[in-house]
């Protein structure tokens, strides 16, 4: 009987020590914090009929016919620039640029238009902020109405979820607006 009491006591004591744990506390809610460095810009120039500022942290790839892919490797985003010469077809180019933007109305919460006019450099255009889960969150076009027409749009290599990638979209959208506002004809 004494031996059984020892075993039972040992089992109970072992059980008590094993069952004692630290008090479990719930973790506070948190969100991913995405901080990006202040943008530093440099003028980008090549054989195309326009020049513009780009962020120093991007990779610029020239496509055919003065088109560009401006890649943000850390954010998996790309700004696509397309150049078209104006040959009496300015109305068609404007319609196509606006049509491309408003195709995103289905998924967008709203589209804000911001006109851009630089009389001194003869650069006129429109910057579009597309809010919501659309494939792009910003687009623009600029022209001199006589010779040149440039469009730009930004795309992320991720499923559109506006809330999740908002810090990155804001950063790239600001860069894109700076690019548009710095664009000059040669």
Protein backbone atom coordinates (compact mmCIF):
# COMPACT_ATOMS: atom_id res chain seq x y z
CA UNK A 1 0.00 0.00 0.00
CA UNK A 2 2.88 2.30 0.81
CA UNK A 3 4.37 1.72 -2.62
CA UNK A 4 1.09 2.55 -4.35
CA UNK A 5 0.81 5.77 -2.37
CA UNK A 6 4.33 6.76 -3.48
CA UNK A 7 3.47 6.10 -7.13
CA UNK A 8 0.17 7.94 -6.93
CA UNK A 9 1.83 10.88 -5.15
CA UNK A 10 4.60 10.96 -7.76
CA UNK A 11 2.08 10.91 -10.62
CA UNK A 12 0.03 13.71 -9.05
CA UNK A 13 3.09 15.89 -8.43
CA UNK A 14 4.38 15.28 -11.96
CA UNK A 15 0.97 16.11 -13.36
CA UNK A 16 0.83 19.37 -11.37
CA UNK A 17 4.27 20.48 -12.56
CA UNK A 18 3.55 19.60 -16.18
CA UNK A 19 0.19 21.33 -16.21
CA UNK A 20 1.51 24.64 -14.89
CA UNK A 21 2.09 27.05 -17.75
CA UNK A 22 2.53 30.76 -18.11
CA UNK A 23 -0.66 32.71 -18.44
CA UNK A 24 -1.62 33.10 -22.10
CA UNK A 25 -2.17 36.69 -23.17
CA UNK A 26 -3.69 37.66 -26.51
CA UNK A 27 -1.42 39.62 -28.83
CA UNK A 28 -2.52 43.13 -29.71
CA UNK A 29 -3.78 43.73 -33.25
CA UNK A 30 -1.09 44.97 -35.59
CA UNK A 31 -0.57 45.90 -39.19
CA UNK A 32 2.33 45.55 -41.57
CA UNK A 33 4.36 48.76 -41.62
CA UNK A 34 5.81 49.64 -44.99
CA UNK A 35 8.22 52.57 -45.00
CA UNK A 36 9.96 53.69 -48.14
CA UNK A 37 12.90 56.07 -48.41
CA UNK A 38 12.38 59.64 -49.61
CA UNK A 39 12.49 59.62 -53.39
CA UNK A 40 15.55 61.07 -55.10
CA UNK A 41 15.11 61.92 -58.77
CA UNK A 42 17.43 62.15 -61.77
CA UNK A 43 16.71 63.28 -65.31
CA UNK A 44 16.39 60.38 -67.77
CA UNK A 45 17.34 61.11 -71.35
CA UNK A 46 17.91 58.97 -74.44
CA UNK A 47 17.14 59.21 -78.17
CA UNK A 48 13.40 59.72 -77.67
CA UNK A 49 11.74 63.11 -78.23
CA UNK A 50 11.13 63.67 -74.51
CA UNK A 51 12.98 63.61 -71.18
CA UNK A 52 11.66 63.03 -67.66
CA UNK A 53 12.69 62.52 -64.03
CA UNK A 54 12.80 59.03 -62.53
CA UNK A 55 13.34 57.77 -59.01
CA UNK A 56 16.95 56.68 -58.43
CA UNK A 57 15.71 53.33 -57.00
CA UNK A 58 14.11 52.11 -60.25
CA UNK A 59 15.29 50.08 -63.23
CA UNK A 60 14.41 51.66 -66.58
CA UNK A 61 14.06 49.42 -69.63
CA UNK A 62 13.53 51.00 -73.03
CA UNK A 63 11.07 49.18 -75.23
CA UNK A 64 10.60 49.73 -78.94
CA UNK A 65 9.24 53.03 -80.30
CA UNK A 66 10.25 55.07 -77.21
CA UNK A 67 8.18 53.04 -74.78
CA UNK A 68 9.55 52.42 -71.31
CA UNK A 69 9.09 49.95 -68.45
CA UNK A 70 10.07 51.59 -65.17
CA UNK A 71 10.43 48.77 -62.64
CA UNK A 72 10.25 48.99 -58.85
CA UNK A 73 11.82 45.64 -57.87
CA UNK A 74 11.21 46.04 -54.11
CA UNK A 75 7.51 46.71 -54.63
CA UNK A 76 6.93 44.48 -57.66
CA UNK A 77 5.44 47.40 -59.57
CA UNK A 78 6.00 48.73 -63.08
CA UNK A 79 5.14 52.03 -64.72
CA UNK A 80 4.60 51.57 -68.45
CA UNK A 81 5.15 54.58 -70.73
CA UNK A 82 4.00 54.58 -74.34
CA UNK A 83 4.92 57.22 -76.92
CA UNK A 84 2.93 57.94 -80.06
CA UNK A 85 3.55 60.69 -82.58
CA UNK A 86 0.61 62.99 -83.30
CA UNK A 87 -0.24 62.96 -87.01
CA UNK A 88 -3.56 64.77 -87.06
CA UNK A 89 -5.03 62.06 -84.82
CA UNK A 90 -5.00 63.87 -81.46
CA UNK A 91 -8.73 63.26 -80.88
CA UNK A 92 -8.33 59.49 -81.39
CA UNK A 93 -5.28 59.39 -79.07
CA UNK A 94 -7.20 61.31 -76.37
CA UNK A 95 -10.25 59.03 -76.70
CA UNK A 96 -8.07 55.90 -76.46
CA UNK A 97 -6.25 57.19 -73.36
CA UNK A 98 -9.51 58.11 -71.63
CA UNK A 99 -11.15 54.83 -72.65
CA UNK A 100 -8.25 52.85 -71.15
CA UNK A 101 -8.68 54.67 -67.84
CA UNK A 102 -12.45 54.33 -67.64
CA UNK A 103 -12.35 50.59 -68.38
CA UNK A 104 -11.38 50.29 -64.71
CA UNK A 105 -14.69 51.80 -63.52
CA UNK A 106 -16.10 48.31 -62.89
CA UNK A 107 -13.60 47.56 -60.09
CA UNK A 108 -12.73 51.12 -59.04
CA UNK A 109 -14.43 52.92 -56.16
CA UNK A 110 -13.83 56.24 -57.90
CA UNK A 111 -11.55 57.89 -60.46
CA UNK A 112 -10.24 61.38 -59.71
CA UNK A 113 -9.12 63.48 -62.67
CA UNK A 114 -6.40 66.07 -62.18
CA UNK A 115 -5.67 68.28 -65.21
CA UNK A 116 -2.05 69.26 -65.83
CA UNK A 117 -0.92 72.33 -67.76
CA UNK A 118 2.66 73.55 -68.20
CA UNK A 119 2.37 76.46 -70.63
CA UNK A 120 6.10 77.20 -70.55
CA UNK A 121 7.13 73.70 -71.71
CA UNK A 122 3.95 73.12 -73.77
CA UNK A 123 2.99 69.98 -71.84
CA UNK A 124 -0.74 69.39 -71.31
CA UNK A 125 -2.44 66.36 -69.90
CA UNK A 126 -4.50 64.57 -67.29
CA UNK A 127 -3.52 62.51 -64.25
CA UNK A 128 -6.02 59.89 -63.05
CA UNK A 129 -6.10 58.49 -59.51
CA UNK A 130 -7.99 55.21 -59.53
CA UNK A 131 -9.15 54.20 -56.04
CA UNK A 132 -10.33 50.70 -55.22
CA UNK A 133 -9.38 47.19 -56.32
CA UNK A 134 -8.71 48.07 -59.97
CA UNK A 135 -5.77 46.62 -61.87
CA UNK A 136 -4.07 50.04 -61.96
CA UNK A 137 -4.25 52.83 -59.42
CA UNK A 138 -2.88 55.65 -61.57
CA UNK A 139 -2.71 56.61 -65.22
CA UNK A 140 -1.87 59.73 -67.17
CA UNK A 141 -1.45 61.19 -70.60
CA UNK A 142 0.50 64.24 -71.75
CA UNK A 143 0.76 65.90 -75.13
CA UNK A 144 1.82 69.07 -76.89
CA UNK A 145 -1.26 68.62 -79.13
CA UNK A 146 0.84 68.89 -82.31
CA UNK A 147 3.71 66.38 -82.35
CA UNK A 148 3.88 64.18 -79.23
CA UNK A 149 1.60 62.02 -77.07
CA UNK A 150 2.74 59.97 -74.03
CA UNK A 151 0.61 57.72 -71.82
CA UNK A 152 1.58 56.10 -68.55
CA UNK A 153 0.05 53.52 -66.24
CA UNK A 154 1.22 51.61 -63.20
CA UNK A 155 0.61 47.94 -62.47
CA UNK A 156 1.56 45.75 -59.50
CA UNK A 157 2.45 42.08 -59.84
CA UNK A 158 -0.09 41.22 -57.17
CA UNK A 159 -3.81 40.63 -56.94
CA UNK A 160 -5.45 44.04 -56.57
CA UNK A 161 -6.24 44.58 -52.91
CA UNK A 162 -6.14 48.32 -52.38
CA UNK A 163 -5.98 48.23 -48.57
CA UNK A 164 -3.03 45.84 -48.44
CA UNK A 165 -0.74 47.61 -50.89
CA UNK A 166 -1.82 51.20 -50.21
CA UNK A 167 1.59 52.45 -48.95
CA UNK A 168 3.30 51.06 -52.05
CA UNK A 169 0.60 52.38 -54.39
CA UNK A 170 0.83 55.84 -52.86
CA UNK A 171 4.62 55.87 -53.22
CA UNK A 172 4.59 54.75 -56.86
CA UNK A 173 1.64 57.02 -57.72
CA UNK A 174 3.55 60.02 -56.33
CA UNK A 175 6.59 59.03 -58.41
CA UNK A 176 4.41 58.70 -61.48
CA UNK A 177 2.91 62.13 -60.96
CA UNK A 178 6.41 63.59 -60.54
CA UNK A 179 7.45 61.87 -63.78
CA UNK A 180 4.48 63.37 -65.62
CA UNK A 181 5.06 66.85 -64.24
CA UNK A 182 8.78 66.75 -65.08
CA UNK A 183 8.30 65.51 -68.66
CA UNK A 184 9.62 67.88 -71.33
CA UNK A 185 9.76 67.75 -75.12
CA UNK A 186 13.14 67.97 -76.80
